[in-house]
Amino acid sequence: SFEQNLTSAVKENKDCSLVLDYPSMKGSVYITYKPVQDNLKTLLT
């Protein structure tokens, strides 16, 4: 969980990935979640 700016609209996906859409600024923050399963080095890379 995290704090979200109220000017953004949230679009949730089934895999816990989110898009925070800022229509007034014509931009988006794309957030992706991955579980760590002995793949931390690969995820970091």
PDB file of all heavy atoms in Angstrom:
ATOM      1  N   SER A   1       0.864  -1.181   0.000  1.00  0.00           N
ATOM      2  CA  SER A   1       0.000   0.000   0.000  1.00  0.00           C
ATOM      3  C   SER A   1       0.901   1.232   0.000  1.00  0.00           C
ATOM      4  O   SER A   1       2.077   1.150   0.349  1.00  0.00           O
ATOM      5  CB  SER A   1      -0.923   0.005   1.216  1.00  0.00           C
ATOM      6  OG  SER A   1      -0.175   0.126   2.399  1.00  0.00           O
ATOM      7  N   PHE A   2       0.356   2.359  -0.402  1.00  0.00           N
ATOM      8  CA  PHE A   2       1.101   3.620  -0.388  1.00  0.00           C
ATOM      9  C   PHE A   2       0.110   4.763  -0.465  1.00  0.00           C
ATOM     10  O   PHE A   2      -1.087   4.556  -0.706  1.00  0.00           O
ATOM     11  CB  PHE A   2       2.116   3.695  -1.532  1.00  0.00           C
ATOM     12  CG  PHE A   2       1.509   3.586  -2.908  1.00  0.00           C
ATOM     13  CD1 PHE A   2       1.007   4.698  -3.568  1.00  0.00           C
ATOM     14  CD2 PHE A   2       1.442   2.354  -3.544  1.00  0.00           C
ATOM     15  CE1 PHE A   2       0.448   4.589  -4.825  1.00  0.00           C
ATOM     16  CE2 PHE A   2       0.893   2.236  -4.811  1.00  0.00           C
ATOM     17  CZ  PHE A   2       0.393   3.361  -5.450  1.00  0.00           C
ATOM     18  N   GLU A   3       0.612   5.981  -0.271  1.00  0.00           N
ATOM     19  CA  GLU A   3      -0.234   7.156  -0.380  1.00  0.00           C
ATOM     20  C   GLU A   3      -0.235   7.651  -1.819  1.00  0.00           C
ATOM     21  O   GLU A   3       0.811   7.799  -2.438  1.00  0.00           O
ATOM     22  CB  GLU A   3       0.251   8.252   0.569  1.00  0.00           C
ATOM     23  CG  GLU A   3       0.007   7.907   2.019  1.00  0.00           C
ATOM     24  CD  GLU A   3       0.393   9.018   2.968  1.00  0.00           C
ATOM     25  OE1 GLU A   3       0.753  10.131   2.511  1.00  0.00           O
ATOM     26  OE2 GLU A   3       0.334   8.783   4.181  1.00  0.00           O
ATOM     27  N   GLN A   4      -1.446   7.925  -2.288  1.00  0.00           N
ATOM     28  CA  GLN A   4      -1.674   8.337  -3.671  1.00  0.00           C
ATOM     29  C   GLN A   4      -2.146   9.784  -3.704  1.00  0.00           C
ATOM     30  O   GLN A   4      -2.932  10.200  -2.861  1.00  0.00           O
ATOM     31  CB  GLN A   4      -2.749   7.423  -4.273  1.00  0.00           C
ATOM     32  CG  GLN A   4      -3.409   7.954  -5.498  1.00  0.00           C
ATOM     33  CD  GLN A   4      -4.874   7.525  -5.618  1.00  0.00           C
ATOM     34  OE1 GLN A   4      -5.373   6.741  -4.829  1.00  0.00           O
ATOM     35  NE2 GLN A   4      -5.546   8.045  -6.606  1.00  0.00           N
ATOM     36  N   ASN A   5      -1.674  10.548  -4.675  1.00  0.00           N
ATOM     37  CA  ASN A   5      -2.123  11.919  -4.883  1.00  0.00           C
ATOM     38  C   ASN A   5      -3.574  11.888  -5.345  1.00  0.00           C
ATOM     39  O   ASN A   5      -3.935  11.113  -6.233  1.00  0.00           O
ATOM     40  CB  ASN A   5      -1.243  12.606  -5.930  1.00  0.00           C
ATOM     41  CG  ASN A   5      -1.509  14.081  -6.047  1.00  0.00           C
ATOM     42  OD1 ASN A   5      -2.607  14.571  -5.816  1.00  0.00           O
ATOM     43  ND2 ASN A   5      -0.469  14.816  -6.420  1.00  0.00           N
ATOM     44  N   LEU A   6      -4.421  12.720  -4.757  1.00  0.00           N
ATOM     45  CA  LEU A   6      -5.844  12.727  -5.096  1.00  0.00           C
ATOM     46  C   LEU A   6      -6.117  13.209  -6.517  1.00  0.00           C
ATOM     47  O   LEU A   6      -7.200  12.967  -7.047  1.00  0.00           O
ATOM     48  CB  LEU A   6      -6.621  13.592  -4.095  1.00  0.00           C
ATOM     49  CG  LEU A   6      -6.669  13.066  -2.666  1.00  0.00           C
ATOM     50  CD1 LEU A   6      -7.392  14.044  -1.758  1.00  0.00           C
ATOM     51  CD2 LEU A   6      -7.326  11.698  -2.608  1.00  0.00           C
ATOM     52  N   THR A   7      -5.143  13.872  -7.155  1.00  0.00           N
ATOM     53  CA  THR A   7      -5.348  14.302  -8.542  1.00  0.00           C
ATOM     54  C   THR A   7      -5.170  13.157  -9.532  1.00  0.00           C
ATOM     55  O   THR A   7      -5.460  13.314 -10.703  1.00  0.00           O
ATOM     56  CB  THR A   7      -4.386  15.447  -8.934  1.00  0.00           C
ATOM     57  OG1 THR A   7      -3.041  14.977  -8.825  1.00  0.00           O
ATOM     58  CG2 THR A   7      -4.597  16.665  -8.063  1.00  0.00           C
ATOM     59  N   SER A   8      -4.709  12.018  -9.062  1.00  0.00           N
ATOM     60  CA  SER A   8      -4.506  10.877  -9.960  1.00  0.00           C
ATOM     61  C   SER A   8      -5.699   9.932  -9.913  1.00  0.00           C
ATOM     62  O   SER A   8      -6.373   9.813  -8.904  1.00  0.00           O
ATOM     63  CB  SER A   8      -3.226  10.116  -9.594  1.00  0.00           C
ATOM     64  OG  SER A   8      -3.369   9.502  -8.333  1.00  0.00           O
ATOM     65  N   ALA A   9      -5.928   9.276 -11.026  1.00  0.00           N
ATOM     66  CA  ALA A   9      -6.963   8.245 -11.118  1.00  0.00           C
ATOM     67  C   ALA A   9      -6.254   6.897 -11.186  1.00  0.00           C
ATOM     68  O   ALA A   9      -5.292   6.734 -11.942  1.00  0.00           O
ATOM     69  CB  ALA A   9      -7.812   8.454 -12.360  1.00  0.00           C
ATOM     70  N   VAL A  10      -6.721   5.932 -10.416  1.00  0.00           N
ATOM     71  CA  VAL A  10      -6.053   4.633 -10.334  1.00  0.00           C
ATOM     72  C   VAL A  10      -6.751   3.619 -11.232  1.00  0.00           C
ATOM     73  O   VAL A  10      -7.968   3.502 -11.216  1.00  0.00           O
ATOM     74  CB  VAL A  10      -6.065   4.098  -8.882  1.00  0.00           C
ATOM     75  CG1 VAL A  10      -5.394   2.740  -8.804  1.00  0.00           C
ATOM     76  CG2 VAL A  10      -5.397   5.077  -7.957  1.00  0.00           C
ATOM     77  N   LYS A  11      -5.932   2.912 -12.004  1.00  0.00           N
ATOM     78  CA  LYS A  11      -6.424   1.783 -12.791  1.00  0.00           C
ATOM     79  C   LYS A  11      -5.686   0.551 -12.277  1.00  0.00           C
ATOM     80  O   LYS A  11      -4.466   0.464 -12.387  1.00  0.00           O
ATOM     81  CB  LYS A  11      -6.136   1.988 -14.276  1.00  0.00           C
ATOM     82  CG  LYS A  11      -6.819   3.203 -14.866  1.00  0.00           C
ATOM     83  CD  LYS A  11      -6.383   3.428 -16.295  1.00  0.00           C
ATOM     84  CE  LYS A  11      -6.910   4.748 -16.806  1.00  0.00           C
ATOM     85  NZ  LYS A  11      -6.316   5.120 -18.102  1.00  0.00           N
ATOM     86  N   GLU A  12      -6.439  -0.387 -11.707  1.00  0.00           N
ATOM     87  CA  GLU A  12      -5.835  -1.587 -11.128  1.00  0.00           C
ATOM     88  C   GLU A  12      -5.922  -2.749 -12.098  1.00  0.00           C
ATOM     89  O   GLU A  12      -6.918  -2.928 -12.792  1.00  0.00           O
ATOM     90  CB  GLU A  12      -6.555  -1.972  -9.829  1.00  0.00           C
ATOM     91  CG  GLU A  12      -6.382  -0.979  -8.715  1.00  0.00           C
ATOM     92  CD  GLU A  12      -7.065  -1.434  -7.441  1.00  0.00           C
ATOM     93  OE1 GLU A  12      -6.921  -2.620  -7.068  1.00  0.00           O
ATOM     94  OE2 GLU A  12      -7.743  -0.606  -6.828  1.00  0.00           O
ATOM     95  N   ASN A  13      -4.875  -3.580 -12.110  1.00  0.00           N
ATOM     96  CA  ASN A  13      -4.853  -4.819 -12.884  1.00  0.00           C
ATOM     97  C   ASN A  13      -4.892  -5.996 -11.918  1.00  0.00           C
ATOM     98  O   ASN A  13      -4.610  -5.856 -10.728  1.00  0.00           O
ATOM     99  CB  ASN A  13      -3.601  -4.891 -13.762  1.00  0.00           C
ATOM    100  CG  ASN A  13      -3.592  -3.804 -14.810  1.00  0.00           C
ATOM    101  OD1 ASN A  13      -4.629  -3.428 -15.343  1.00  0.00           O
ATOM    102  ND2 ASN A  13      -2.416  -3.296 -15.106  1.00  0.00           N
ATOM    103  N   LYS A  14      -5.205  -7.156 -12.427  1.00  0.00           N
ATOM    104  CA  LYS A  14      -5.334  -8.350 -11.583  1.00  0.00           C
ATOM    105  C   LYS A  14      -4.016  -8.742 -10.922  1.00  0.00           C
ATOM    106  O   LYS A  14      -4.005  -9.283  -9.836  1.00  0.00           O
ATOM    107  CB  LYS A  14      -5.849  -9.520 -12.417  1.00  0.00           C
ATOM    108  CG  LYS A  14      -7.253  -9.339 -12.912  1.00  0.00           C
ATOM    109  CD  LYS A  14      -7.668 -10.487 -13.793  1.00  0.00           C
ATOM    110  CE  LYS A  14      -9.014 -10.217 -14.445  1.00  0.00           C
ATOM    111  NZ  LYS A  14      -9.384 -11.252 -15.389  1.00  0.00           N
ATOM    112  N   ASP A  15      -2.897  -8.464 -11.564  1.00  0.00           N
ATOM    113  CA  ASP A  15      -1.598  -8.900 -11.042  1.00  0.00           C
ATOM    114  C   ASP A  15      -0.969  -7.880 -10.089  1.00  0.00           C
ATOM    115  O   ASP A  15       0.235  -7.897  -9.863  1.00  0.00           O
ATOM    116  CB  ASP A  15      -0.653  -9.198 -12.198  1.00  0.00           C
ATOM    117  CG  ASP A  15      -0.350  -7.976 -13.047  1.00  0.00           C
ATOM    118  OD1 ASP A  15      -0.991  -6.923 -12.836  1.00  0.00           O
ATOM    119  OD2 ASP A  15       0.526  -8.069 -13.920  1.00  0.00           O
ATOM    120  N   CYS A  16      -1.777  -6.982  -9.531  1.00  0.00           N
ATOM    121  CA  CYS A  16      -1.328  -5.936  -8.601  1.00  0.00           C
ATOM    122  C   CYS A  16      -0.462  -4.872  -9.265  1.00  0.00           C
ATOM    123  O   CYS A  16       0.272  -4.150  -8.595  1.00  0.00           O
ATOM    124  CB  CYS A  16      -0.633  -6.524  -7.382  1.00  0.00           C
ATOM    125  SG  CYS A  16      -1.809  -7.301  -6.264  1.00  0.00           S
ATOM    126  N   SER A  17      -0.531  -4.779 -10.578  1.00  0.00           N
ATOM    127  CA  SER A  17       0.092  -3.665 -11.276  1.00  0.00           C
ATOM    128  C   SER A  17      -0.929  -2.542 -11.361  1.00  0.00           C
ATOM    129  O   SER A  17      -2.124  -2.786 -11.483  1.00  0.00           O
ATOM    130  CB  SER A  17       0.533  -4.090 -12.676  1.00  0.00           C
ATOM    131  OG  SER A  17       1.528  -5.079 -12.589  1.00  0.00           O
ATOM    132  N   LEU A  18      -0.459  -1.311 -11.260  1.00  0.00           N
ATOM    133  CA  LEU A  18      -1.344  -0.150 -11.245  1.00  0.00           C
ATOM    134  C   LEU A  18      -0.894   0.889 -12.251  1.00  0.00           C
ATOM    135  O   LEU A  18       0.288   0.943 -12.613  1.00  0.00           O
ATOM    136  CB  LEU A  18      -1.321   0.511  -9.860  1.00  0.00           C
ATOM    137  CG  LEU A  18      -1.592  -0.323  -8.631  1.00  0.00           C
ATOM    138  CD1 LEU A  18      -1.267   0.490  -7.381  1.00  0.00           C
ATOM    139  CD2 LEU A  18      -3.037  -0.750  -8.603  1.00  0.00           C
ATOM    140  N   VAL A  19      -1.824   1.721 -12.653  1.00  0.00           N
ATOM    141  CA  VAL A  19      -1.500   2.913 -13.416  1.00  0.00           C
ATOM    142  C   VAL A  19      -2.117   4.086 -12.673  1.00  0.00           C
ATOM    143  O   VAL A  19      -3.317   4.092 -12.410  1.00  0.00           O
ATOM    144  CB  VAL A  19      -2.057   2.850 -14.859  1.00  0.00           C
ATOM    145  CG1 VAL A  19      -1.746   4.140 -15.602  1.00  0.00           C
ATOM    146  CG2 VAL A  19      -1.506   1.652 -15.603  1.00  0.00           C
ATOM    147  N   LEU A  20      -1.283   5.042 -12.300  1.00  0.00           N
ATOM    148  CA  LEU A  20      -1.757   6.290 -11.708  1.00  0.00           C
ATOM    149  C   LEU A  20      -1.790   7.309 -12.836  1.00  0.00           C
ATOM    150  O   LEU A  20      -0.748   7.752 -13.311  1.00  0.00           O
ATOM    151  CB  LEU A  20      -0.832   6.765 -10.592  1.00  0.00           C
ATOM    152  CG  LEU A  20      -0.652   5.823  -9.409  1.00  0.00           C
ATOM    153  CD1 LEU A  20       0.349   6.399  -8.426  1.00  0.00           C
ATOM    154  CD2 LEU A  20      -1.971   5.568  -8.724  1.00  0.00           C
ATOM    155  N   ASP A  21      -2.983   7.653 -13.270  1.00  0.00           N
ATOM    156  CA  ASP A  21      -3.157   8.532 -14.422  1.00  0.00           C
ATOM    157  C   ASP A  21      -3.376   9.968 -13.940  1.00  0.00           C
ATOM    158  O   ASP A  21      -4.203  10.205 -13.055  1.00  0.00           O
ATOM    159  CB  ASP A  21      -4.346   8.049 -15.249  1.00  0.00           C
ATOM    160  CG  ASP A  21      -4.438   8.753 -16.576  1.00  0.00           C
ATOM    161  OD1 ASP A  21      -3.385   9.041 -17.170  1.00  0.00           O
ATOM    162  OD2 ASP A  21      -5.576   9.022 -17.020  1.00  0.00           O
ATOM    163  N   TYR A  22      -2.639  10.907 -14.516  1.00  0.00           N
ATOM    164  CA  TYR A  22      -2.748  12.326 -14.201  1.00  0.00           C
ATOM    165  C   TYR A  22      -3.224  13.043 -15.469  1.00  0.00           C
ATOM    166  O   TYR A  22      -2.413  13.558 -16.241  1.00  0.00           O
ATOM    167  CB  TYR A  22      -1.394  12.891 -13.770  1.00  0.00           C
ATOM    168  CG  TYR A  22      -0.865  12.300 -12.494  1.00  0.00           C
ATOM    169  CD1 TYR A  22      -0.205  11.068 -12.484  1.00  0.00           C
ATOM    170  CD2 TYR A  22      -1.002  12.968 -11.292  1.00  0.00           C
ATOM    171  CE1 TYR A  22       0.288  10.530 -11.309  1.00  0.00           C
ATOM    172  CE2 TYR A  22      -0.505  12.448 -10.108  1.00  0.00           C
ATOM    173  CZ  TYR A  22       0.134  11.226 -10.125  1.00  0.00           C
ATOM    174  OH  TYR A  22       0.625  10.696  -8.964  1.00  0.00           O
ATOM    175  N   PRO A  23      -4.538  13.071 -15.715  1.00  0.00           N
ATOM    176  CA  PRO A  23      -5.032  13.621 -16.983  1.00  0.00           C
ATOM    177  C   PRO A  23      -4.702  15.100 -17.188  1.00  0.00           C
ATOM    178  O   PRO A  23      -4.444  15.514 -18.316  1.00  0.00           O
ATOM    179  CB  PRO A  23      -6.546  13.401 -16.925  1.00  0.00           C
ATOM    180  CG  PRO A  23      -6.865  12.881 -15.585  1.00  0.00           C
ATOM    181  CD  PRO A  23      -5.599  12.571 -14.867  1.00  0.00           C
ATOM    182  N   SER A  24      -4.680  15.895 -16.124  1.00  0.00           N
ATOM    183  CA  SER A  24      -4.391  17.323 -16.289  1.00  0.00           C
ATOM    184  C   SER A  24      -2.941  17.567 -16.719  1.00  0.00           C
ATOM    185  O   SER A  24      -2.640  18.607 -17.294  1.00  0.00           O
ATOM    186  CB  SER A  24      -4.689  18.081 -14.996  1.00  0.00           C
ATOM    187  OG  SER A  24      -3.836  17.636 -13.965  1.00  0.00           O
ATOM    188  N   MET A  25      -2.059  16.610 -16.448  1.00  0.00           N
ATOM    189  CA  MET A  25      -0.650  16.749 -16.819  1.00  0.00           C
ATOM    190  C   MET A  25      -0.288  15.861 -18.002  1.00  0.00           C
ATOM    191  O   MET A  25       0.861  15.834 -18.429  1.00  0.00           O
ATOM    192  CB  MET A  25       0.234  16.414 -15.622  1.00  0.00           C
ATOM    193  CG  MET A  25       0.092  17.417 -14.528  1.00  0.00           C
ATOM    194  SD  MET A  25       1.020  16.915 -13.101  1.00  0.00           S
ATOM    195  CE  MET A  25      -0.117  17.383 -11.832  1.00  0.00           C
ATOM    196  N   LYS A  26      -1.267  15.114 -18.471  1.00  0.00           N
ATOM    197  CA  LYS A  26      -1.074  14.208 -19.605  1.00  0.00           C
ATOM    198  C   LYS A  26       0.093  13.254 -19.361  1.00  0.00           C
ATOM    199  O   LYS A  26       0.975  13.086 -20.195  1.00  0.00           O
ATOM    200  CB  LYS A  26      -0.893  14.991 -20.894  1.00  0.00           C
ATOM    201  CG  LYS A  26      -2.114  15.815 -21.219  1.00  0.00           C
ATOM    202  CD  LYS A  26      -2.020  16.509 -22.529  1.00  0.00           C
ATOM    203  CE  LYS A  26      -3.332  17.225 -22.746  1.00  0.00           C
ATOM    204  NZ  LYS A  26      -3.326  18.158 -23.796  1.00  0.00           N
ATOM    205  N   GLY A  27       0.066  12.637 -18.174  1.00  0.00           N
ATOM    206  CA  GLY A  27       1.106  11.690 -17.816  1.00  0.00           C
ATOM    207  C   GLY A  27       0.565  10.588 -16.934  1.00  0.00           C
ATOM    208  O   GLY A  27      -0.542  10.688 -16.395  1.00  0.00           O
ATOM    209  N   SER A  28       1.346   9.524 -16.813  1.00  0.00           N
ATOM    210  CA  SER A  28       0.963   8.381 -15.986  1.00  0.00           C
ATOM    211  C   SER A  28       2.191   7.789 -15.326  1.00  0.00           C
ATOM    212  O   SER A  28       3.286   7.806 -15.888  1.00  0.00           O
ATOM    213  CB  SER A  28       0.297   7.293 -16.831  1.00  0.00           C
ATOM    214  OG  SER A  28      -0.921   7.741 -17.368  1.00  0.00           O
ATOM    215  N   VAL A  29       1.966   7.246 -14.130  1.00  0.00           N
ATOM    216  CA  VAL A  29       2.990   6.483 -13.433  1.00  0.00           C
ATOM    217  C   VAL A  29       2.537   5.023 -13.481  1.00  0.00           C
ATOM    218  O   VAL A  29       1.459   4.690 -13.000  1.00  0.00           O
ATOM    219  CB  VAL A  29       3.162   6.950 -11.975  1.00  0.00           C
ATOM    220  CG1 VAL A  29       4.178   6.067 -11.253  1.00  0.00           C
ATOM    221  CG2 VAL A  29       3.586   8.412 -11.928  1.00  0.00           C
ATOM    222  N   TYR A  30       3.346   4.193 -14.099  1.00  0.00           N
ATOM    223  CA  TYR A  30       3.053   2.762 -14.237  1.00  0.00           C
ATOM    224  C   TYR A  30       3.800   2.018 -13.135  1.00  0.00           C
ATOM    225  O   TYR A  30       5.021   2.122 -13.032  1.00  0.00           O
ATOM    226  CB  TYR A  30       3.491   2.256 -15.606  1.00  0.00           C
ATOM    227  CG  TYR A  30       2.696   2.877 -16.730  1.00  0.00           C
ATOM    228  CD1 TYR A  30       3.064   4.101 -17.281  1.00  0.00           C
ATOM    229  CD2 TYR A  30       1.561   2.251 -17.223  1.00  0.00           C
ATOM    230  CE1 TYR A  30       2.325   4.678 -18.304  1.00  0.00           C
ATOM    231  CE2 TYR A  30       0.811   2.821 -18.240  1.00  0.00           C
ATOM    232  CZ  TYR A  30       1.210   4.030 -18.766  1.00  0.00           C
ATOM    233  OH  TYR A  30       0.465   4.615 -19.777  1.00  0.00           O
ATOM    234  N   ILE A  31       3.056   1.261 -12.336  1.00  0.00           N
ATOM    235  CA  ILE A  31       3.633   0.531 -11.209  1.00  0.00           C
ATOM    236  C   ILE A  31       3.409  -0.954 -11.435  1.00  0.00           C
ATOM    237  O   ILE A  31       2.292  -1.379 -11.731  1.00  0.00           O
ATOM    238  CB  ILE A  31       2.991   0.983  -9.882  1.00  0.00           C
ATOM    239  CG1 ILE A  31       3.295   2.470  -9.663  1.00  0.00           C
ATOM    240  CG2 ILE A  31       3.495   0.141  -8.722  1.00  0.00           C
ATOM    241  CD1 ILE A  31       2.617   3.082  -8.470  1.00  0.00           C
ATOM    242  N   THR A  32       4.483  -1.731 -11.300  1.00  0.00           N
ATOM    243  CA  THR A  32       4.431  -3.176 -11.528  1.00  0.00           C
ATOM    244  C   THR A  32       4.908  -3.899 -10.276  1.00  0.00           C
ATOM    245  O   THR A  32       5.925  -3.526  -9.689  1.00  0.00           O
ATOM    246  CB  THR A  32       5.330  -3.568 -12.722  1.00  0.00           C
ATOM    247  OG1 THR A  32       4.937  -2.798 -13.852  1.00  0.00           O
ATOM    248  CG2 THR A  32       5.216  -5.034 -13.044  1.00  0.00           C
ATOM    249  N   TYR A  33       4.172  -4.939  -9.899  1.00  0.00           N
ATOM    250  CA  TYR A  33       4.537  -5.754  -8.742  1.00  0.00           C
ATOM    251  C   TYR A  33       4.986  -7.131  -9.205  1.00  0.00           C
ATOM    252  O   TYR A  33       4.375  -7.732 -10.088  1.00  0.00           O
ATOM    253  CB  TYR A  33       3.347  -5.914  -7.788  1.00  0.00           C
ATOM    254  CG  TYR A  33       3.631  -6.889  -6.674  1.00  0.00           C
ATOM    255  CD1 TYR A  33       4.378  -6.503  -5.576  1.00  0.00           C
ATOM    256  CD2 TYR A  33       3.179  -8.200  -6.737  1.00  0.00           C
ATOM    257  CE1 TYR A  33       4.671  -7.395  -4.557  1.00  0.00           C
ATOM    258  CE2 TYR A  33       3.455  -9.112  -5.725  1.00  0.00           C
ATOM    259  CZ  TYR A  33       4.202  -8.698  -4.641  1.00  0.00           C
ATOM    260  OH  TYR A  33       4.491  -9.592  -3.645  1.00  0.00           O
ATOM    261  N   LYS A  34       6.066  -7.624  -8.597  1.00  0.00           N
ATOM    262  CA  LYS A  34       6.553  -8.986  -8.848  1.00  0.00           C
ATOM    263  C   LYS A  34       6.927  -9.608  -7.508  1.00  0.00           C
ATOM    264  O   LYS A  34       7.599  -8.966  -6.699  1.00  0.00           O
ATOM    265  CB  LYS A  34       7.796  -8.975  -9.737  1.00  0.00           C
ATOM    266  CG  LYS A  34       7.618  -8.274 -11.055  1.00  0.00           C
ATOM    267  CD  LYS A  34       7.536  -9.247 -12.156  1.00  0.00           C
ATOM    268  CE  LYS A  34       7.456  -8.451 -13.460  1.00  0.00           C
ATOM    269  NZ  LYS A  34       6.952  -9.096 -14.534  1.00  0.00           N
ATOM    270  N   PRO A  35       6.516 -10.839  -7.284  1.00  0.00           N
ATOM    271  CA  PRO A  35       6.977 -11.512  -6.068  1.00  0.00           C
ATOM    272  C   PRO A  35       8.434 -11.948  -6.226  1.00  0.00           C
ATOM    273  O   PRO A  35       8.879 -12.284  -7.323  1.00  0.00           O
ATOM    274  CB  PRO A  35       6.054 -12.722  -5.955  1.00  0.00           C
ATOM    275  CG  PRO A  35       5.548 -12.956  -7.332  1.00  0.00           C
ATOM    276  CD  PRO A  35       5.555 -11.633  -8.034  1.00  0.00           C
ATOM    277  N   VAL A  36       9.168 -11.900  -5.133  1.00  0.00           N
ATOM    278  CA  VAL A  36      10.563 -12.369  -5.145  1.00  0.00           C
ATOM    279  C   VAL A  36      10.540 -13.861  -4.845  1.00  0.00           C
ATOM    280  O   VAL A  36      10.043 -14.288  -3.805  1.00  0.00           O
ATOM    281  CB  VAL A  36      11.411 -11.615  -4.107  1.00  0.00           C
ATOM    282  CG1 VAL A  36      12.819 -12.197  -4.032  1.00  0.00           C
ATOM    283  CG2 VAL A  36      11.460 -10.128  -4.438  1.00  0.00           C
ATOM    284  N   GLN A  37      11.071 -14.641  -5.788  1.00  0.00           N
ATOM    285  CA  GLN A  37      11.117 -16.099  -5.640  1.00  0.00           C
ATOM    286  C   GLN A  37      12.481 -16.587  -6.129  1.00  0.00           C
ATOM    287  O   GLN A  37      12.594 -17.135  -7.223  1.00  0.00           O
ATOM    288  CB  GLN A  37       9.997 -16.761  -6.447  1.00  0.00           C
ATOM    289  CG  GLN A  37       8.624 -16.306  -6.003  1.00  0.00           C
ATOM    290  CD  GLN A  37       7.526 -16.709  -6.981  1.00  0.00           C
ATOM    291  OE1 GLN A  37       7.755 -16.918  -8.162  1.00  0.00           O
ATOM    292  NE2 GLN A  37       6.312 -16.801  -6.462  1.00  0.00           N
ATOM    293  N   ASP A  38      13.500 -16.334  -5.342  1.00  0.00           N
ATOM    294  CA  ASP A  38      14.880 -16.657  -5.722  1.00  0.00           C
ATOM    295  C   ASP A  38      15.284 -15.978  -7.032  1.00  0.00           C
ATOM    296  O   ASP A  38      16.106 -16.498  -7.783  1.00  0.00           O
ATOM    297  CB  ASP A  38      15.076 -18.175  -5.845  1.00  0.00           C
ATOM    298  CG  ASP A  38      14.966 -18.888  -4.508  1.00  0.00           C
ATOM    299  OD1 ASP A  38      15.343 -18.273  -3.490  1.00  0.00           O
ATOM    300  OD2 ASP A  38      14.495 -20.041  -4.482  1.00  0.00           O
ATOM    301  N   ASN A  39      14.693 -14.814  -7.322  1.00  0.00           N
ATOM    302  CA  ASN A  39      14.995 -14.098  -8.561  1.00  0.00           C
ATOM    303  C   ASN A  39      15.312 -12.620  -8.303  1.00  0.00           C
ATOM    304  O   ASN A  39      15.199 -11.800  -9.207  1.00  0.00           O
ATOM    305  CB  ASN A  39      13.816 -14.213  -9.534  1.00  0.00           C
ATOM    306  CG  ASN A  39      12.522 -13.649  -8.973  1.00  0.00           C
ATOM    307  OD1 ASN A  39      12.419 -13.365  -7.788  1.00  0.00           O
ATOM    308  ND2 ASN A  39      11.529 -13.504  -9.836  1.00  0.00           N
ATOM    309  N   LEU A  40      15.715 -12.284  -7.095  1.00  0.00           N
ATOM    310  CA  LEU A  40      15.970 -10.893  -6.749  1.00  0.00           C
ATOM    311  C   LEU A  40      17.052 -10.277  -7.630  1.00  0.00           C
ATOM    312  O   LEU A  40      16.902  -9.153  -8.112  1.00  0.00           O
ATOM    313  CB  LEU A  40      16.349 -10.755  -5.273  1.00  0.00           C
ATOM    314  CG  LEU A  40      16.590  -9.323  -4.792  1.00  0.00           C
ATOM    315  CD1 LEU A  40      15.336  -8.480  -4.964  1.00  0.00           C
ATOM    316  CD2 LEU A  40      17.057  -9.314  -3.348  1.00  0.00           C
ATOM    317  N   LYS A  41      18.109 -11.011  -7.885  1.00  0.00           N
ATOM    318  CA  LYS A  41      19.193 -10.478  -8.714  1.00  0.00           C
ATOM    319  C   LYS A  41      18.688 -10.154 -10.119  1.00  0.00           C
ATOM    320  O   LYS A  41      19.004  -9.101 -10.672  1.00  0.00           O
ATOM    321  CB  LYS A  41      20.351 -11.483  -8.775  1.00  0.00           C
ATOM    322  CG  LYS A  41      21.565 -10.945  -9.489  1.00  0.00           C
ATOM    323  CD  LYS A  41      22.733 -11.897  -9.424  1.00  0.00           C
ATOM    324  CE  LYS A  41      23.916 -11.304 -10.137  1.00  0.00           C
ATOM    325  NZ  LYS A  41      25.080 -12.161 -10.089  1.00  0.00           N
ATOM    326  N   THR A  42      17.879 -11.023 -10.689  1.00  0.00           N
ATOM    327  CA  THR A  42      17.312 -10.790 -12.018  1.00  0.00           C
ATOM    328  C   THR A  42      16.381  -9.589 -12.004  1.00  0.00           C
ATOM    329  O   THR A  42      16.424  -8.752 -12.919  1.00  0.00           O
ATOM    330  CB  THR A  42      16.539 -12.038 -12.506  1.00  0.00           C
ATOM    331  OG1 THR A  42      17.424 -13.153 -12.495  1.00  0.00           O
ATOM    332  CG2 THR A  42      15.982 -11.837 -13.893  1.00  0.00           C
ATOM    333  N   LEU A  43      15.531  -9.477 -10.987  1.00  0.00           N
ATOM    334  CA  LEU A  43      14.617  -8.341 -10.887  1.00  0.00           C
ATOM    335  C   LEU A  43      15.384  -7.024 -10.766  1.00  0.00           C
ATOM    336  O   LEU A  43      15.033  -6.032 -11.414  1.00  0.00           O
ATOM    337  CB  LEU A  43      13.676  -8.527  -9.699  1.00  0.00           C
ATOM    338  CG  LEU A  43      12.649  -9.655  -9.806  1.00  0.00           C
ATOM    339  CD1 LEU A  43      11.949  -9.873  -8.468  1.00  0.00           C
ATOM    340  CD2 LEU A  43      11.640  -9.372 -10.902  1.00  0.00           C
ATOM    341  N   LEU A  44      16.427  -7.006  -9.948  1.00  0.00           N
ATOM    342  CA  LEU A  44      17.249  -5.797  -9.796  1.00  0.00           C
ATOM    343  C   LEU A  44      17.938  -5.428 -11.108  1.00  0.00           C
ATOM    344  O   LEU A  44      17.953  -4.263 -11.516  1.00  0.00           O
ATOM    345  CB  LEU A  44      18.289  -5.994  -8.697  1.00  0.00           C
ATOM    346  CG  LEU A  44      17.771  -5.954  -7.264  1.00  0.00           C
ATOM    347  CD1 LEU A  44      18.834  -6.459  -6.297  1.00  0.00           C
ATOM    348  CD2 LEU A  44      17.298  -4.566  -6.892  1.00  0.00           C
ATOM    349  N   THR A  45      18.503  -6.426 -11.767  1.00  0.00           N
ATOM    350  CA  THR A  45      19.192  -6.190 -13.042  1.00  0.00           C
ATOM    351  C   THR A  45      18.226  -5.636 -14.084  1.00  0.00           C
ATOM    352  O   THR A  45      18.545  -4.675 -14.791  1.00  0.00           O
ATOM    353  CB  THR A  45      19.843  -7.490 -13.557  1.00  0.00           C
ATOM    354  OG1 THR A  45      20.737  -7.967 -12.556  1.00  0.00           O
ATOM    355  CG2 THR A  45      20.582  -7.262 -14.856  1.00  0.00           C
TER     356      THR A  45
END
